[in-house]
Amino acid sequence: MSARHALTVAVTGINARADNPGPGLAVARCLKESAHLDVRVVGLAYDAFDPGLYLPEWCDAAYLLPYPSAGEEAFMARLAELHETTAFDVLIPCLDAELPILARLAPWLEERGIVAMLPTVEQIRLRAKDRLADLAREAGIACPETKSLFREDFFHACSGEGWHWPLVVKGLFYDAKVAHGPAEAVAAFRRIAGEWGLPILAQQFSPGEEINLTGLGDGEGRLVGAVMMKKRALTDKGKAWAGISIHDTALLDAARRLVAATRWRGPLEVEVMRAADGTLSLIEINPRFPAWVYLSAGVGRNLPETLVRLALGETLAELPPAPAGTLFIRYALEAIVPLSDFDAVVTQGERG
């Protein structure tokens, strides 16, 4: 292999909403700054207003995909068409809703020579929010009580069933709201259900300080690399607007146990609450890189680069612990777009 291996990588999730950005642009930035790979990034978007479509410094080419909800057949046809056009070597999906479809399509991707380091369908089910408590017990980490709901009347009766306020009301894939009483919880239930569908999850609120880890499992039970951070500023959706890298041995050990228990393959994010007594409580596992993954490049542990190298068959030692004390601060910029580029995306589905 040459000093910088040239290849094409397709990356999804290239939206950049300030309150809840997708991870795709951060992944693209990491790949563009790789010390080992010379990457041409193909950005894949679902909306003509996704900024990654118009940022050639991060996405060399960019195309629209049909929403997965439009059906697997349309999704597969467009993916096959784009692979034929752009000949991408590796696919990195960055959105939760894509993972179940792409996991089922793993043999189809392999037949076409598309390398994707994906968890299996069963691995995705194991970390689902409504099954998280079972996985937490297997990995020896605490987890707040969680209940799957199809009706909002639970919130009026839950105090009599041993639940106490506040509760966290969550969508199965996206969104969460801390509710301090039944009226607030019902409003959150209706809003999240209206946007993302049922079921809705009620989770007992875990007090403490939230700390997060993003890492990479090799599919054999090994955590190849990890970067941890503590949120320092939040958007109104609870997403990190600023954070600082940390090293937390207990969180790292818990993540290793979770990866070993699931034999996780590919990227993941582990979200925990640390109580005042130091106890960790697992609140979520996301089956992809988080939007803050560019911090991994910032601390010299470029996880998207590592994923590509693993996916291409390299044997890599576990990355050394990332240094603590590096701050990231998110910011918003305006992309200036010629109307002709926008029209091309809307009418032709691409900015070549």
Protein backbone atom coordinates (compact mmCIF):
# COMPACT_ATOMS: atom_id res chain seq x y z
CA MET A 1 0.00 0.00 0.00
CA SER A 2 1.24 3.49 -0.81
CA ALA A 3 1.64 6.12 1.88
CA ARG A 4 -1.82 7.49 1.02
CA HIS A 5 -4.22 4.93 -0.39
CA ALA A 6 -6.66 6.45 -2.94
CA LEU A 7 -10.29 5.38 -2.78
CA THR A 8 -13.88 6.66 -2.97
CA VAL A 9 -16.11 6.62 0.11
CA ALA A 10 -19.86 7.33 0.11
CA VAL A 11 -21.17 9.03 3.25
CA THR A 12 -24.82 9.64 4.19
CA GLY A 13 -26.32 12.04 6.73
CA ILE A 14 -24.77 15.22 5.30
CA ASN A 15 -27.42 17.53 6.74
CA ALA A 16 -26.32 20.18 9.22
CA ARG A 17 -29.27 21.48 11.23
CA ALA A 18 -27.79 23.63 13.95
CA ASP A 19 -29.95 22.09 16.70
CA ASN A 20 -29.55 18.48 15.55
CA PRO A 21 -26.90 17.94 12.85
CA GLY A 22 -26.29 14.65 11.11
CA PRO A 23 -22.85 13.04 11.48
CA GLY A 24 -22.09 12.85 7.76
CA LEU A 25 -20.20 16.11 7.31
CA ALA A 26 -18.08 15.42 10.40
CA VAL A 27 -17.25 11.98 8.96
CA ALA A 28 -16.39 13.56 5.61
CA ARG A 29 -14.08 16.07 7.31
CA CYS A 30 -12.30 13.27 9.15
CA LEU A 31 -11.78 11.37 5.90
CA LYS A 32 -10.51 14.44 4.07
CA GLU A 33 -7.95 14.98 6.84
CA SER A 34 -6.76 11.37 6.90
CA ALA A 35 -3.02 10.83 7.15
CA HIS A 36 -3.29 7.37 5.53
CA LEU A 37 -6.03 7.66 2.90
CA ASP A 38 -6.53 9.85 -0.15
CA VAL A 39 -10.32 9.93 -0.12
CA ARG A 40 -12.81 11.14 -2.68
CA VAL A 41 -16.03 11.61 -0.71
CA VAL A 42 -19.42 11.06 -2.33
CA GLY A 43 -22.09 12.72 -0.18
CA LEU A 44 -25.54 11.13 -0.09
CA ALA A 45 -28.46 13.28 1.10
CA TYR A 46 -32.22 13.00 1.49
CA ASP A 47 -33.19 16.66 1.17
CA ALA A 48 -32.22 19.30 -1.39
CA PHE A 49 -31.49 21.71 1.46
CA ASP A 50 -28.87 19.46 3.08
CA PRO A 51 -25.74 21.68 3.06
CA GLY A 52 -23.34 18.83 2.31
CA LEU A 53 -24.73 18.77 -1.21
CA TYR A 54 -23.12 22.17 -1.81
CA LEU A 55 -19.80 21.90 0.06
CA PRO A 56 -17.21 20.54 -2.41
CA GLU A 57 -14.43 20.99 0.14
CA TRP A 58 -15.93 18.06 2.08
CA CYS A 59 -18.00 16.22 -0.55
CA ASP A 60 -16.35 15.94 -3.96
CA ALA A 61 -19.68 14.90 -5.47
CA ALA A 62 -23.14 14.77 -3.93
CA TYR A 63 -26.44 13.08 -4.78
CA LEU A 64 -29.98 12.71 -3.48
CA LEU A 65 -31.33 9.39 -2.21
CA PRO A 66 -35.01 8.51 -1.76
CA TYR A 67 -36.03 8.29 1.88
CA PRO A 68 -35.81 4.70 3.20
CA SER A 69 -39.51 5.00 4.04
CA ALA A 70 -40.20 5.15 0.29
CA GLY A 71 -39.38 1.43 0.17
CA GLU A 72 -36.33 -0.76 -0.14
CA GLU A 73 -36.73 -1.27 -3.87
CA ALA A 74 -36.42 2.44 -4.71
CA PHE A 75 -33.61 2.86 -2.19
CA MET A 76 -31.66 -0.09 -3.63
CA ALA A 77 -32.19 1.02 -7.22
CA ARG A 78 -30.82 4.51 -6.53
CA LEU A 79 -27.88 3.17 -4.52
CA ALA A 80 -27.01 0.76 -7.34
CA GLU A 81 -27.27 3.57 -9.90
CA LEU A 82 -24.94 5.81 -7.91
CA HIS A 83 -22.45 3.01 -7.35
CA GLU A 84 -22.41 2.40 -11.10
CA THR A 85 -21.83 6.12 -11.70
CA THR A 86 -19.30 6.90 -8.97
CA ALA A 87 -17.73 3.49 -8.22
CA PHE A 88 -17.47 4.09 -4.49
CA ASP A 89 -15.41 1.54 -2.60
CA VAL A 90 -16.82 1.99 0.90
CA LEU A 91 -20.22 3.09 2.25
CA ILE A 92 -20.53 4.76 5.67
CA PRO A 93 -24.17 5.21 6.72
CA CYS A 94 -24.60 7.90 9.38
CA LEU A 95 -28.33 7.84 10.21
CA ASP A 96 -30.13 5.44 12.56
CA ALA A 97 -33.07 4.85 10.22
CA GLU A 98 -30.79 3.56 7.45
CA LEU A 99 -29.06 0.89 9.50
CA PRO A 100 -31.80 -1.80 9.63
CA ILE A 101 -32.29 -1.59 5.86
CA LEU A 102 -28.59 -1.64 5.04
CA ALA A 103 -27.95 -4.49 7.48
CA ARG A 104 -30.54 -6.55 5.63
CA LEU A 105 -28.93 -5.51 2.34
CA ALA A 106 -25.42 -6.56 3.42
CA PRO A 107 -25.25 -9.52 0.96
CA TRP A 108 -26.61 -7.27 -1.83
CA LEU A 109 -23.90 -4.67 -1.09
CA GLU A 110 -21.20 -7.34 -1.03
CA GLU A 111 -22.29 -8.71 -4.41
CA ARG A 112 -21.70 -5.26 -5.89
CA GLY A 113 -18.30 -4.84 -4.33
CA ILE A 114 -19.48 -2.20 -1.85
CA VAL A 115 -17.63 -2.52 1.45
CA ALA A 116 -19.66 -1.45 4.48
CA MET A 117 -18.67 -2.20 8.06
CA LEU A 118 -22.20 -2.75 9.35
CA PRO A 119 -23.69 -4.32 12.46
CA THR A 120 -26.02 -7.25 11.85
CA VAL A 121 -29.79 -6.98 12.13
CA GLU A 122 -29.64 -8.83 15.46
CA GLN A 123 -26.91 -6.56 16.82
CA ILE A 124 -29.03 -3.53 15.97
CA ARG A 125 -31.98 -5.09 17.80
CA LEU A 126 -29.85 -5.84 20.86
CA ARG A 127 -29.05 -2.14 21.39
CA ALA A 128 -32.53 -0.84 20.57
CA LYS A 129 -33.86 1.55 23.18
CA ASP A 130 -36.68 -0.81 24.17
CA ARG A 131 -34.20 -3.68 24.79
CA LEU A 132 -31.36 -1.69 26.31
CA ALA A 133 -31.93 -2.91 29.87
CA ASP A 134 -31.32 -6.54 28.87
CA LEU A 135 -28.04 -5.67 27.16
CA ALA A 136 -26.96 -3.50 30.09
CA ARG A 137 -27.48 -6.40 32.51
CA GLU A 138 -25.40 -8.71 30.30
CA ALA A 139 -22.60 -6.13 30.20
CA GLY A 140 -22.80 -5.39 33.93
CA ILE A 141 -23.87 -1.75 33.75
CA ALA A 142 -26.91 -0.08 35.31
CA CYS A 143 -29.76 1.12 33.10
CA PRO A 144 -32.84 3.19 33.99
CA GLU A 145 -36.23 1.49 33.73
CA THR A 146 -37.74 1.91 30.26
CA LYS A 147 -41.25 1.17 28.99
CA SER A 148 -42.50 0.97 25.40
CA LEU A 149 -45.78 2.85 24.92
CA PHE A 150 -48.53 3.00 22.34
CA ARG A 151 -50.92 5.05 24.48
CA GLU A 152 -50.39 8.33 26.29
CA ASP A 153 -52.60 7.46 29.29
CA PHE A 154 -49.59 5.77 30.94
CA PHE A 155 -48.39 9.19 32.06
CA HIS A 156 -51.51 9.81 34.14
CA ALA A 157 -51.20 6.49 35.99
CA CYS A 158 -47.44 5.93 36.17
CA SER A 159 -46.95 7.48 39.64
CA GLY A 160 -49.21 4.78 41.08
CA GLU A 161 -47.09 2.13 39.34
CA GLY A 162 -43.85 3.17 41.04
CA TRP A 163 -42.52 5.63 38.48
CA HIS A 164 -41.44 9.08 39.63
CA TRP A 165 -40.98 12.38 37.84
CA PRO A 166 -39.15 13.55 35.81
CA LEU A 167 -39.32 11.02 32.99
CA VAL A 168 -37.61 11.06 29.62
CA VAL A 169 -39.99 10.66 26.66
CA LYS A 170 -38.15 9.24 23.62
CA GLY A 171 -38.77 8.24 20.04
CA LEU A 172 -37.58 4.77 19.05
CA PHE A 173 -35.04 6.27 16.62
CA TYR A 174 -34.86 10.02 17.30
CA ASP A 175 -35.77 12.78 19.74
CA ALA A 176 -36.12 12.94 23.51
CA LYS A 177 -37.73 15.29 26.01
CA VAL A 178 -37.41 15.46 29.79
CA ALA A 179 -40.95 15.81 31.19
CA HIS A 180 -41.70 16.93 34.76
CA GLY A 181 -45.38 16.02 34.82
CA PRO A 182 -48.18 14.30 32.90
CA ALA A 183 -49.17 17.29 30.77
CA GLU A 184 -45.59 17.84 29.60
CA ALA A 185 -45.13 14.13 28.95
CA VAL A 186 -48.35 13.84 26.92
CA ALA A 187 -47.36 16.85 24.80
CA ALA A 188 -43.96 15.26 24.12
CA PHE A 189 -45.61 11.90 23.33
CA ARG A 190 -47.89 13.51 20.75
CA ARG A 191 -45.16 15.61 19.16
CA ILE A 192 -42.62 12.79 18.84
CA ALA A 193 -45.24 10.25 17.71
CA GLY A 194 -46.49 12.72 15.09
CA GLU A 195 -43.01 13.12 13.67
CA TRP A 196 -41.44 9.67 14.13
CA GLY A 197 -44.32 7.27 14.83
CA LEU A 198 -44.96 4.69 17.55
CA PRO A 199 -43.92 3.24 19.89
CA ILE A 200 -42.79 5.98 22.23
CA LEU A 201 -40.51 5.14 25.15
CA ALA A 202 -40.78 6.35 28.72
CA GLN A 203 -37.49 6.16 30.59
CA GLN A 204 -36.87 6.92 34.23
CA PHE A 205 -34.70 10.04 34.42
CA SER A 206 -31.14 9.40 35.61
CA PRO A 207 -29.69 12.39 37.47
CA GLY A 208 -26.04 13.22 37.07
CA GLU A 209 -23.59 14.32 34.41
CA GLU A 210 -23.83 12.97 30.87
CA ILE A 211 -20.65 11.60 29.31
CA ASN A 212 -20.40 10.00 25.87
CA LEU A 213 -18.08 7.62 24.06
CA THR A 214 -17.80 6.98 20.34
CA GLY A 215 -15.92 3.91 19.26
CA LEU A 216 -15.44 1.20 16.70
CA GLY A 217 -16.06 -2.53 17.10
CA ASP A 218 -14.24 -5.03 14.90
CA GLY A 219 -17.08 -7.59 14.81
CA GLU A 220 -15.09 -10.05 16.91
CA GLY A 221 -15.76 -8.47 20.29
CA ARG A 222 -12.90 -5.96 20.34
CA LEU A 223 -13.20 -2.20 20.75
CA VAL A 224 -10.56 -0.97 18.30
CA GLY A 225 -10.65 2.68 19.28
CA ALA A 226 -12.63 5.11 21.41
CA VAL A 227 -12.92 8.82 22.10
CA MET A 228 -14.85 10.18 25.09
CA MET A 229 -16.29 13.60 25.76
CA LYS A 230 -18.36 15.59 28.23
CA LYS A 231 -20.94 18.06 26.92
CA ARG A 232 -20.27 21.67 27.88
CA ALA A 233 -23.05 23.46 25.97
CA LEU A 234 -26.31 22.07 24.54
CA THR A 235 -28.81 22.87 21.82
CA ASP A 236 -32.50 22.95 22.75
CA LYS A 237 -32.65 19.28 21.63
CA GLY A 238 -29.92 18.33 24.11
CA LYS A 239 -27.25 17.88 21.43
CA ALA A 240 -23.67 18.93 22.11
CA TRP A 241 -22.90 22.46 20.93
CA ALA A 242 -19.59 22.29 22.77
CA GLY A 243 -17.76 19.47 24.52
CA ILE A 244 -14.39 18.52 25.93
CA SER A 245 -12.45 15.31 25.49
CA ILE A 246 -12.08 13.23 28.65
CA HIS A 247 -10.63 9.91 29.69
CA ASP A 248 -12.97 7.90 31.90
CA THR A 249 -11.76 4.39 32.71
CA ALA A 250 -15.15 3.16 33.94
CA LEU A 251 -16.91 4.30 30.75
CA LEU A 252 -14.19 2.75 28.58
CA ASP A 253 -14.45 -0.56 30.45
CA ALA A 254 -18.26 -0.51 30.12
CA ALA A 255 -18.00 0.15 26.37
CA ARG A 256 -15.56 -2.74 25.99
CA ARG A 257 -18.02 -5.05 27.78
CA LEU A 258 -20.89 -3.86 25.58
CA VAL A 259 -18.89 -4.42 22.40
CA ALA A 260 -17.77 -7.84 23.63
CA ALA A 261 -21.34 -8.83 24.58
CA THR A 262 -22.73 -7.89 21.15
CA ARG A 263 -19.62 -8.57 19.04
CA TRP A 264 -20.44 -5.17 17.58
CA ARG A 265 -19.22 -4.43 14.05
CA GLY A 266 -18.75 -0.82 13.01
CA PRO A 267 -19.17 2.52 14.76
CA LEU A 268 -21.28 3.21 17.82
CA GLU A 269 -21.93 5.87 20.44
CA VAL A 270 -22.46 5.00 24.11
CA GLU A 271 -24.30 7.58 26.22
CA VAL A 272 -24.24 7.29 30.01
CA MET A 273 -25.08 9.37 33.06
CA ARG A 274 -22.56 9.52 35.89
CA ALA A 275 -24.29 9.94 39.27
CA ALA A 276 -22.77 11.92 42.14
CA ASP A 277 -21.48 8.66 43.67
CA GLY A 278 -19.70 7.77 40.39
CA THR A 279 -22.20 5.11 39.29
CA LEU A 280 -22.73 4.89 35.53
CA SER A 281 -26.19 4.45 34.05
CA LEU A 282 -26.56 3.50 30.38
CA ILE A 283 -29.16 5.65 28.65
CA GLU A 284 -28.56 4.97 24.95
CA ILE A 285 -26.41 3.22 22.34
CA ASN A 286 -26.48 4.71 18.86
CA PRO A 287 -25.45 2.38 16.00
CA ARG A 288 -23.34 4.94 14.12
CA PHE A 289 -20.87 7.78 14.64
CA PRO A 290 -22.22 10.85 16.44
CA ALA A 291 -22.24 14.36 15.00
CA TRP A 292 -19.29 15.24 17.27
CA VAL A 293 -17.02 12.54 15.75
CA TYR A 294 -14.74 15.21 14.23
CA LEU A 295 -13.35 15.51 17.77
CA SER A 296 -11.69 12.13 17.11
CA ALA A 297 -9.57 13.73 14.38
CA GLY A 298 -8.95 16.70 16.65
CA VAL A 299 -7.37 14.47 19.32
CA GLY A 300 -5.39 12.37 16.83
CA ARG A 301 -7.65 9.29 16.89
CA ASN A 302 -9.41 9.59 13.54
CA LEU A 303 -12.18 7.00 13.90
CA PRO A 304 -13.78 7.30 10.41
CA GLU A 305 -10.33 6.78 8.90
CA THR A 306 -9.85 3.75 11.18
CA LEU A 307 -13.24 2.36 10.09
CA VAL A 308 -12.27 2.53 6.41
CA ARG A 309 -8.93 0.87 7.04
CA LEU A 310 -10.61 -1.95 8.99
CA ALA A 311 -13.31 -2.33 6.34
CA LEU A 312 -10.63 -2.74 3.69
CA GLY A 313 -9.06 -5.59 5.62
CA GLU A 314 -6.19 -3.96 7.51
CA THR A 315 -5.25 -5.52 10.84
CA LEU A 316 -5.00 -2.69 13.35
CA ALA A 317 -3.95 -2.59 16.97
CA GLU A 318 -6.24 -0.88 19.45
CA LEU A 319 -5.75 2.89 19.29
CA PRO A 320 -4.10 4.39 22.38
CA PRO A 321 -6.32 6.38 24.75
CA ALA A 322 -7.23 9.81 23.42
CA PRO A 323 -5.83 12.78 25.34
CA ALA A 324 -8.19 14.67 27.63
CA GLY A 325 -8.67 18.42 27.62
CA THR A 326 -9.41 19.23 23.97
CA LEU A 327 -12.51 21.39 23.47
CA PHE A 328 -14.76 21.50 20.42
CA ILE A 329 -17.25 24.30 19.75
CA ARG A 330 -19.79 23.90 16.97
CA TYR A 331 -20.68 26.85 14.76
CA ALA A 332 -23.04 27.65 11.88
CA LEU A 333 -22.02 29.13 8.52
CA GLU A 334 -23.92 30.09 5.38
CA ALA A 335 -23.12 28.09 2.25
CA ILE A 336 -23.40 30.33 -0.81
CA VAL A 337 -24.98 28.23 -3.55
CA PRO A 338 -25.52 29.12 -7.23
CA LEU A 339 -29.16 28.62 -8.04
CA SER A 340 -28.10 26.40 -10.93
CA ASP A 341 -26.54 23.95 -8.44
CA PHE A 342 -29.73 23.85 -6.37
CA ASP A 343 -31.86 23.39 -9.50
CA ALA A 344 -29.61 20.50 -10.57
CA VAL A 345 -30.11 18.79 -7.22
CA VAL A 346 -33.89 19.26 -7.32
CA THR A 347 -34.35 18.22 -10.95
CA GLN A 348 -31.52 15.71 -11.46
CA GLY A 349 -30.77 14.61 -7.89
CA GLU A 350 -27.09 15.48 -8.05
CA ARG A 351 -24.35 18.05 -7.79
CA GLY A 352 -21.58 16.36 -9.73
